[in-house]
Amino acid sequence: MAMDKLLVLALQPVVTVGDLVVLTPSGRHRFGDGSGPQVMCRFQDSRAIFSFLTDPDLKLGELYTEGRLTMEAGSIYDLLCLLLRGSRDRKQPPLARIIDRARSAWAHTMQMNFLAQSRRNVAHHYDLDERLYDLFLDKDMQYSCAYFESDDVDLDTAQLAKKRHIAAKLALEPDHRVLDIGCGWGGLSLYLSSAAGVAHVLGITLSEEQLRVATRRQGEASDRRPVTFALTDYREVSGTFDRIVSVGMFEHVGIKFYDRFFAKCHELLKDDGIMLLHTIGCSATPGFVMPWLNKYIFPGAYVPSLSEIVPVIERHGLVISDIEILQRQYALTLRHWRERFLNRWSEAAALYDERFCRMWEFYLSAGEAAFQYEDVSVFQIQMTKRPAVTPLTRSYIAARESTLQEAERQQAAKA
């Protein structure tokens, strides 16, 4: 009963809107104003309640993965939305503030992403079976925020629009050499080569599985333009490039390595070159990544604020020429991924097991809820080495998107 009383004290000020019922071994407790569909969860034992109360940022995901917190009505996503929506404007309890401060300090010391550690971190997530990602990603296997031009656009269309939007911002020309840092399974590199028609693209990754898939895709492409994929860290690249693009990789650099990253980008970028950095970012003051995500999904990752990125860019002689903030786009992307994953749960369980599926449902649900209710978004930061490299106004972006769309139509007609 004591645990139940503490649970009520903790949740009452958080869940004031909605209808949440929490079942425990000792009772039933209801929170919120009764509005909306009912969400019901069950703590299977009193120790589970204690774990949740002492460290919800870490333990909620663990309890759900282990089956010690189960959903009786609604989904884990629905529960996370109620908790995050209610806690956004509420002052944290003293113990939670102490834990958060300690984690913020510890996170910086843990991001020792030297080359060997970076390879291990990447392998932990990106060297999972390709078939897992086939279950929920778009047909081009884009594993980063899509670009929804309206809410009702399908995932494949939004991911194609993302590639087009990035290519347009790079202001590509046929003689350009492009470096794609963190190329994933190769989709963006292949797009820049085919639709944009550049001279050469070098796509680098630290994932052996991604390299295998990207190389295979390059071999299968009907339009075999010069694209090279390599198992290479950004610190190992040499030469110069007209354009540099990095999508969804900067989150894995580690804040202690920002100086090295931007110094290397300055070294690799030609004097009249353009770089585009696409990264998840925090739109509030600096913080830390959800500890559960760091432990189980993305070890060594960090979500930076603009105030942590911009001074380092300036320190290394790069000029910010444009910043775009994509606010709701990742929430929509994650919704598609989560729904697709749930629809193919049995196939994921056949690849791994039920526990893994619960872990990944929590990961996708927590991401979507965070982008919906917390201070996270996506930054697209365009940089040059000197002023006046990009066109006079941003109208060139839409114009180049139209040109790329025409190239896409022509390629589709030939296929």
Protein backbone atom coordinates (compact mmCIF):
# COMPACT_ATOMS: atom_id res chain seq x y z
CA MET A 1 0.00 0.00 0.00
CA ALA A 2 2.86 2.40 0.73
CA MET A 3 4.07 2.08 -2.87
CA ASP A 4 0.57 2.84 -4.12
CA LYS A 5 0.42 6.02 -2.07
CA LEU A 6 3.74 7.19 -3.46
CA LEU A 7 2.59 6.35 -6.99
CA VAL A 8 -0.56 8.44 -6.56
CA LEU A 9 1.47 11.35 -5.18
CA ALA A 10 3.80 11.16 -8.17
CA LEU A 11 1.20 10.83 -10.95
CA GLN A 12 -1.60 13.09 -9.71
CA PRO A 13 0.13 16.38 -10.59
CA VAL A 14 1.42 14.96 -13.90
CA VAL A 15 -1.68 13.40 -15.46
CA THR A 16 -4.32 16.10 -15.16
CA VAL A 17 -5.74 15.76 -18.68
CA GLY A 18 -6.96 12.47 -20.16
CA ASP A 19 -8.07 9.24 -18.54
CA LEU A 20 -5.38 7.03 -17.04
CA VAL A 21 -6.09 3.98 -14.89
CA VAL A 22 -3.17 2.31 -13.13
CA LEU A 23 -3.61 -1.19 -11.73
CA THR A 24 -1.26 -2.44 -9.02
CA PRO A 25 -1.16 -5.62 -6.92
CA SER A 26 -2.89 -3.60 -4.19
CA GLY A 27 -5.46 -1.51 -6.02
CA ARG A 28 -6.76 0.60 -8.86
CA HIS A 29 -6.02 4.32 -9.29
CA ARG A 30 -7.45 6.80 -11.76
CA PHE A 31 -5.82 10.02 -12.96
CA GLY A 32 -6.80 12.88 -15.24
CA ASP A 33 -10.06 14.64 -16.06
CA GLY A 34 -11.68 11.65 -17.78
CA SER A 35 -11.39 13.10 -21.27
CA GLY A 36 -10.43 11.01 -24.29
CA PRO A 37 -10.00 7.26 -24.62
CA GLN A 38 -9.08 5.43 -21.47
CA VAL A 39 -5.49 4.27 -21.08
CA MET A 40 -4.94 1.46 -18.59
CA CYS A 41 -1.63 -0.03 -17.46
CA ARG A 42 -0.74 -2.63 -14.85
CA PHE A 43 2.31 -2.90 -12.60
CA GLN A 44 2.81 -6.63 -12.12
CA ASP A 45 4.62 -6.32 -8.77
CA SER A 46 5.39 -3.75 -6.10
CA ARG A 47 9.10 -3.68 -6.94
CA ALA A 48 8.13 -2.53 -10.43
CA ILE A 49 6.36 0.48 -8.88
CA PHE A 50 9.42 1.26 -6.79
CA SER A 51 11.68 1.10 -9.85
CA PHE A 52 9.41 3.42 -11.80
CA LEU A 53 9.21 5.96 -8.98
CA THR A 54 12.97 6.10 -8.37
CA ASP A 55 14.04 6.49 -12.02
CA PRO A 56 11.19 6.72 -14.57
CA ASP A 57 13.45 7.92 -17.41
CA LEU A 58 15.30 4.61 -17.33
CA LYS A 59 12.95 2.16 -15.66
CA LEU A 60 9.71 2.72 -17.55
CA GLY A 61 11.21 1.32 -20.74
CA GLU A 62 12.89 -1.53 -18.88
CA LEU A 63 9.67 -2.50 -17.12
CA TYR A 64 7.71 -2.51 -20.36
CA THR A 65 10.40 -4.51 -22.17
CA GLU A 66 10.52 -7.06 -19.33
CA GLY A 67 6.73 -7.39 -19.22
CA ARG A 68 6.50 -6.07 -15.65
CA LEU A 69 4.45 -3.12 -16.88
CA THR A 70 1.69 -4.16 -19.26
CA MET A 71 -0.97 -2.27 -21.15
CA GLU A 72 -4.59 -3.31 -20.52
CA ALA A 73 -6.16 -0.54 -22.62
CA GLY A 74 -4.44 1.72 -25.11
CA SER A 75 -0.76 1.39 -26.01
CA ILE A 76 2.58 2.29 -24.46
CA TYR A 77 2.59 5.26 -26.86
CA ASP A 78 -0.71 6.47 -25.36
CA LEU A 79 0.74 6.16 -21.86
CA LEU A 80 3.90 8.07 -22.81
CA CYS A 81 1.83 10.86 -24.35
CA LEU A 82 -0.16 11.30 -21.13
CA LEU A 83 3.01 11.39 -19.05
CA LEU A 84 5.01 13.73 -21.31
CA ARG A 85 2.12 16.09 -22.00
CA GLY A 86 1.48 16.48 -18.30
CA SER A 87 5.10 16.84 -17.20
CA ARG A 88 6.12 19.44 -19.81
CA ASP A 89 5.26 22.53 -17.76
CA ARG A 90 5.58 20.98 -14.31
CA LYS A 91 8.59 21.51 -12.10
CA GLN A 92 10.45 18.27 -11.48
CA PRO A 93 10.63 16.81 -7.95
CA PRO A 94 13.96 17.40 -6.15
CA LEU A 95 15.19 13.79 -6.60
CA ALA A 96 14.48 13.86 -10.34
CA ARG A 97 16.33 17.19 -10.68
CA ILE A 98 19.36 15.74 -8.90
CA ILE A 99 19.36 12.65 -11.15
CA ASP A 100 19.00 14.81 -14.27
CA ARG A 101 21.91 17.06 -13.31
CA ALA A 102 24.09 14.04 -12.58
CA ARG A 103 23.15 12.45 -15.89
CA SER A 104 23.86 15.65 -17.83
CA ALA A 105 27.34 15.78 -16.34
CA TRP A 106 27.93 12.06 -16.78
CA ALA A 107 26.66 12.07 -20.38
CA HIS A 108 29.50 14.32 -21.51
CA THR A 109 32.12 12.05 -19.93
CA MET A 110 30.50 8.94 -21.45
CA GLN A 111 30.58 10.28 -25.02
CA MET A 112 34.17 9.19 -25.56
CA ASN A 113 33.49 8.37 -29.18
CA PHE A 114 37.00 7.62 -30.34
CA LEU A 115 37.18 5.52 -33.49
CA ALA A 116 36.97 2.07 -31.87
CA GLN A 117 34.11 3.11 -29.59
CA SER A 118 32.27 4.76 -32.49
CA ARG A 119 32.44 1.49 -34.44
CA ARG A 120 31.03 -0.44 -31.46
CA ASN A 121 28.24 2.09 -30.94
CA VAL A 122 27.24 1.95 -34.61
CA ALA A 123 27.34 -1.85 -34.71
CA HIS A 124 25.03 -2.04 -31.68
CA HIS A 125 22.17 -0.51 -33.65
CA TYR A 126 22.89 -0.40 -37.36
CA ASP A 127 24.34 -3.89 -37.78
CA LEU A 128 21.02 -5.49 -36.89
CA ASP A 129 19.44 -7.70 -39.54
CA GLU A 130 18.53 -5.76 -42.69
CA ARG A 131 15.16 -7.54 -42.68
CA LEU A 132 14.21 -5.77 -39.44
CA TYR A 133 14.52 -2.35 -41.06
CA ASP A 134 12.66 -3.60 -44.14
CA LEU A 135 9.65 -4.12 -41.89
CA PHE A 136 9.03 -0.46 -41.14
CA LEU A 137 11.16 1.85 -43.30
CA ASP A 138 10.22 3.18 -46.73
CA LYS A 139 11.32 1.31 -49.85
CA ASP A 140 14.55 3.37 -50.05
CA MET A 141 15.42 2.55 -46.41
CA GLN A 142 15.69 6.16 -45.26
CA TYR A 143 16.30 6.02 -41.50
CA SER A 144 16.00 9.72 -40.69
CA CYS A 145 13.33 12.40 -40.52
CA ALA A 146 11.16 12.58 -43.64
CA TYR A 147 9.88 15.82 -45.16
CA PHE A 148 6.07 15.88 -45.12
CA GLU A 149 4.70 18.58 -47.36
CA SER A 150 1.25 17.80 -45.91
CA ASP A 151 -0.07 15.56 -43.13
CA ASP A 152 -1.69 13.06 -45.50
CA VAL A 153 1.43 12.27 -47.55
CA ASP A 154 2.63 8.64 -47.42
CA LEU A 155 6.06 7.74 -46.05
CA ASP A 156 7.71 6.93 -49.39
CA THR A 157 6.64 10.28 -50.84
CA ALA A 158 7.85 12.16 -47.74
CA GLN A 159 11.24 10.45 -47.75
CA LEU A 160 11.70 11.21 -51.45
CA ALA A 161 10.80 14.84 -50.69
CA LYS A 162 13.48 14.85 -47.94
CA LYS A 163 16.17 13.76 -50.37
CA ARG A 164 14.97 16.31 -52.92
CA HIS A 165 14.90 19.10 -50.32
CA ILE A 166 18.45 18.33 -49.20
CA ALA A 167 19.74 18.06 -52.77
CA ALA A 168 18.16 21.42 -53.61
CA LYS A 169 19.84 23.11 -50.65
CA LEU A 170 23.20 21.73 -51.77
CA ALA A 171 22.86 23.59 -55.11
CA LEU A 172 24.52 20.72 -56.95
CA GLU A 173 26.21 20.94 -60.35
CA PRO A 174 27.22 18.10 -62.72
CA ASP A 175 30.95 18.40 -62.00
CA HIS A 176 30.59 18.24 -58.21
CA ARG A 177 32.21 15.68 -55.93
CA VAL A 178 30.04 15.00 -52.87
CA LEU A 179 30.85 13.45 -49.49
CA ASP A 180 27.95 11.79 -47.66
CA ILE A 181 28.99 11.35 -44.01
CA GLY A 182 26.92 8.58 -42.45
CA CYS A 183 25.40 7.31 -45.68
CA GLY A 184 23.22 4.62 -44.12
CA TRP A 185 22.03 2.05 -46.66
CA GLY A 186 23.02 4.34 -49.52
CA GLY A 187 19.71 5.89 -50.55
CA LEU A 188 20.72 9.55 -50.41
CA SER A 189 24.07 8.97 -52.12
CA LEU A 190 22.38 7.08 -54.96
CA TYR A 191 19.76 9.82 -55.28
CA LEU A 192 22.37 12.58 -55.48
CA SER A 193 24.16 10.62 -58.18
CA SER A 194 21.10 9.75 -60.28
CA ALA A 195 18.53 12.55 -59.89
CA ALA A 196 21.04 15.36 -59.32
CA GLY A 197 23.59 13.91 -61.74
CA VAL A 198 26.78 14.85 -59.89
CA ALA A 199 30.20 13.62 -60.95
CA HIS A 200 30.92 11.43 -57.94
CA VAL A 201 29.55 10.63 -54.47
CA LEU A 202 31.55 9.06 -51.65
CA GLY A 203 29.27 7.60 -49.00
CA ILE A 204 30.90 6.57 -45.72
CA THR A 205 29.54 4.50 -42.84
CA LEU A 206 30.86 2.61 -39.83
CA SER A 207 28.23 -0.12 -40.18
CA GLU A 208 29.36 -3.26 -41.98
CA GLU A 209 25.74 -4.22 -42.59
CA GLN A 210 24.90 -0.84 -44.10
CA LEU A 211 27.99 -1.00 -46.30
CA ARG A 212 26.99 -4.44 -47.56
CA VAL A 213 23.47 -3.29 -48.44
CA ALA A 214 24.59 0.01 -50.00
CA THR A 215 27.20 -1.73 -52.15
CA ARG A 216 24.64 -4.29 -53.28
CA ARG A 217 22.18 -1.56 -54.18
CA GLN A 218 24.83 0.26 -56.18
CA GLY A 219 25.52 -2.94 -58.13
CA GLU A 220 21.80 -3.46 -58.81
CA ALA A 221 21.11 0.13 -59.92
CA SER A 222 20.13 0.47 -63.57
CA ASP A 223 21.79 3.89 -63.77
CA ARG A 224 25.28 3.12 -62.48
CA ARG A 225 26.68 6.56 -61.91
CA PRO A 226 29.94 6.90 -59.97
CA VAL A 227 29.11 6.24 -56.31
CA THR A 228 31.61 4.72 -53.90
CA PHE A 229 30.70 3.34 -50.49
CA ALA A 230 33.36 2.82 -47.83
CA LEU A 231 33.63 1.58 -44.25
CA THR A 232 35.33 4.76 -43.12
CA ASP A 233 35.15 7.19 -40.22
CA TYR A 234 34.88 10.89 -41.07
CA ARG A 235 38.25 11.40 -39.36
CA GLU A 236 39.91 9.12 -41.92
CA VAL A 237 38.69 10.86 -45.10
CA SER A 238 41.16 12.81 -47.23
CA GLY A 239 40.87 15.07 -50.28
CA THR A 240 38.42 17.89 -50.94
CA PHE A 241 34.76 17.97 -51.92
CA ASP A 242 32.45 20.51 -53.54
CA ARG A 243 29.61 19.46 -51.26
CA ILE A 244 29.36 17.69 -47.91
CA VAL A 245 26.12 16.31 -46.54
CA SER A 246 25.48 14.51 -43.26
CA VAL A 247 22.02 13.24 -42.34
CA GLY A 248 21.25 11.61 -38.99
CA MET A 249 24.90 11.00 -38.13
CA PHE A 250 25.85 14.05 -36.04
CA GLU A 251 23.83 12.72 -33.09
CA HIS A 252 26.50 9.99 -32.79
CA VAL A 253 29.56 12.25 -32.89
CA GLY A 254 29.60 13.09 -29.17
CA ILE A 255 29.84 16.62 -27.86
CA LYS A 256 33.54 16.25 -26.98
CA PHE A 257 34.24 15.58 -30.65
CA TYR A 258 32.35 18.52 -32.20
CA ASP A 259 35.57 20.48 -32.64
CA ARG A 260 37.20 17.59 -34.45
CA PHE A 261 34.13 17.04 -36.63
CA PHE A 262 33.80 20.62 -37.85
CA ALA A 263 37.56 21.07 -38.20
CA LYS A 264 37.59 18.01 -40.47
CA CYS A 265 34.61 19.28 -42.46
CA HIS A 266 36.38 22.62 -42.96
CA GLU A 267 39.46 20.75 -44.17
CA LEU A 268 37.46 18.61 -46.63
CA LEU A 269 35.21 21.34 -48.03
CA LYS A 270 36.41 23.38 -51.01
CA ASP A 271 36.58 27.16 -50.59
CA ASP A 272 33.41 27.65 -52.67
CA GLY A 273 31.73 24.55 -51.25
CA ILE A 274 28.48 24.04 -49.37
CA MET A 275 27.78 21.69 -46.46
CA LEU A 276 24.39 20.62 -45.11
CA LEU A 277 24.04 19.11 -41.64
CA HIS A 278 20.72 17.42 -40.82
CA THR A 279 20.49 16.45 -37.15
CA ILE A 280 18.05 15.92 -34.32
CA GLY A 281 18.39 18.86 -31.96
CA CYS A 282 17.09 20.27 -28.71
CA SER A 283 15.23 23.55 -29.08
CA ALA A 284 15.62 24.36 -25.38
CA THR A 285 18.71 24.58 -23.20
CA PRO A 286 21.30 21.78 -23.37
CA GLY A 287 20.21 18.52 -21.81
CA PHE A 288 20.83 14.82 -22.29
CA VAL A 289 19.44 11.87 -24.22
CA MET A 290 16.83 9.72 -22.48
CA PRO A 291 18.99 7.25 -20.50
CA TRP A 292 16.97 4.25 -21.65
CA LEU A 293 17.72 5.15 -25.29
CA ASN A 294 21.42 5.56 -24.51
CA LYS A 295 21.56 2.19 -22.78
CA TYR A 296 19.52 0.06 -25.15
CA ILE A 297 19.21 1.76 -28.55
CA PHE A 298 21.83 4.46 -29.27
CA PRO A 299 24.89 4.17 -27.02
CA GLY A 300 27.07 7.26 -27.10
CA ALA A 301 24.38 9.42 -28.72
CA TYR A 302 23.55 13.00 -27.75
CA VAL A 303 20.92 15.51 -28.88
CA PRO A 304 22.54 18.96 -29.01
CA SER A 305 21.00 22.40 -28.73
CA LEU A 306 21.83 25.09 -31.27
CA SER A 307 23.83 26.85 -28.57
CA GLU A 308 26.14 23.83 -28.46
CA ILE A 309 26.55 23.55 -32.24
CA VAL A 310 26.83 27.13 -33.48
CA PRO A 311 29.90 28.25 -31.47
CA VAL A 312 31.87 25.23 -32.69
CA ILE A 313 30.94 25.93 -36.31
CA GLU A 314 32.12 29.51 -35.90
CA ARG A 315 35.35 28.39 -34.22
CA HIS A 316 36.37 26.41 -37.26
CA GLY A 317 35.87 29.01 -39.95
CA LEU A 318 32.54 27.82 -41.30
CA VAL A 319 29.79 30.35 -42.07
CA ILE A 320 26.17 29.47 -41.34
CA SER A 321 24.18 30.45 -44.42
CA ASP A 322 20.79 28.94 -43.55
CA ILE A 323 19.03 27.14 -40.70
CA GLU A 324 15.68 25.40 -41.06
CA ILE A 325 13.86 23.88 -38.09
CA LEU A 326 11.63 20.88 -38.85
CA GLN A 327 9.31 20.64 -35.86
CA ARG A 328 6.51 18.15 -36.49
CA GLN A 329 8.18 16.22 -39.28
CA TYR A 330 9.90 13.62 -37.13
CA ALA A 331 6.77 12.93 -35.07
CA LEU A 332 4.97 12.11 -38.33
CA THR A 333 7.90 9.99 -39.52
CA LEU A 334 8.00 8.01 -36.29
CA ARG A 335 4.25 7.50 -36.39
CA HIS A 336 4.59 5.80 -39.76
CA TRP A 337 7.51 3.68 -38.50
CA ARG A 338 5.69 2.70 -35.29
CA GLU A 339 2.47 1.72 -37.09
CA ARG A 340 4.37 -0.25 -39.72
CA PHE A 341 6.38 -2.06 -37.05
CA LEU A 342 3.26 -2.98 -35.07
CA ASN A 343 1.57 -4.28 -38.22
CA ARG A 344 4.53 -6.64 -38.79
CA TRP A 345 5.19 -7.56 -35.18
CA SER A 346 5.10 -11.32 -35.80
CA GLU A 347 7.82 -11.04 -38.45
CA ALA A 348 10.03 -9.01 -36.11
CA ALA A 349 9.44 -11.57 -33.35
CA ALA A 350 10.47 -14.35 -35.75
CA LEU A 351 13.74 -12.49 -36.42
CA TYR A 352 14.39 -11.78 -32.73
CA ASP A 353 11.81 -12.39 -29.95
CA GLU A 354 8.86 -10.82 -28.13
CA ARG A 355 11.08 -9.00 -25.66
CA PHE A 356 12.96 -7.35 -28.53
CA CYS A 357 9.66 -6.31 -30.10
CA ARG A 358 8.50 -4.65 -26.88
CA MET A 359 11.84 -2.86 -26.64
CA TRP A 360 11.52 -1.52 -30.18
CA GLU A 361 7.88 -0.57 -29.73
CA PHE A 362 8.93 1.46 -26.70
CA TYR A 363 11.78 3.05 -28.67
CA LEU A 364 9.56 4.13 -31.56
CA SER A 365 6.76 5.22 -29.21
CA ALA A 366 9.06 7.24 -26.95
CA GLY A 367 10.58 8.96 -29.98
CA GLU A 368 7.23 9.92 -31.43
CA ALA A 369 5.90 11.17 -28.08
CA ALA A 370 9.08 13.18 -27.46
CA PHE A 371 8.85 14.95 -30.83
CA GLN A 372 5.18 15.60 -30.13
CA TYR A 373 5.48 17.02 -26.62
CA GLU A 374 9.10 17.83 -25.77
CA ASP A 375 11.67 20.36 -26.98
CA VAL A 376 13.16 18.24 -29.74
CA SER A 377 13.10 18.91 -33.46
CA VAL A 378 15.36 18.58 -36.50
CA PHE A 379 17.92 21.19 -37.55
CA GLN A 380 19.07 21.56 -41.14
CA ILE A 381 22.13 23.77 -40.97
CA GLN A 382 23.68 24.95 -44.22
CA MET A 383 27.31 26.10 -44.07
CA THR A 384 29.93 27.56 -46.36
CA LYS A 385 33.56 28.61 -45.92
CA ARG A 386 32.92 32.18 -46.97
CA PRO A 387 29.90 34.48 -47.39
CA ALA A 388 27.91 34.87 -50.61
CA VAL A 389 28.45 31.31 -51.88
CA THR A 390 24.75 30.44 -51.93
CA PRO A 391 22.22 32.32 -54.12
CA LEU A 392 20.87 35.70 -53.09
CA THR A 393 17.50 34.43 -51.82
CA ARG A 394 16.05 31.08 -50.74
CA SER A 395 13.90 30.91 -53.88
CA TYR A 396 16.57 28.73 -55.49
CA ILE A 397 15.52 25.84 -53.22
CA ALA A 398 12.01 25.58 -54.65
CA ALA A 399 13.30 26.08 -58.19
CA ARG A 400 15.81 23.26 -57.82
CA GLU A 401 13.21 21.02 -56.21
CA SER A 402 11.06 21.45 -59.33
CA THR A 403 14.02 20.53 -61.55
CA LEU A 404 14.74 17.45 -59.45
CA GLN A 405 11.10 16.38 -59.58
CA GLU A 406 11.27 16.47 -63.36
CA ALA A 407 14.42 14.34 -63.29
CA GLU A 408 12.62 11.87 -61.01
CA ARG A 409 9.70 11.64 -63.45
CA GLN A 410 12.04 11.00 -66.36
CA GLN A 411 13.83 8.25 -64.45
CA ALA A 412 10.52 6.67 -63.45
CA ALA A 413 9.40 6.67 -67.09
CA LYS A 414 12.59 4.81 -68.11
CA ALA A 415 12.27 2.22 -65.36
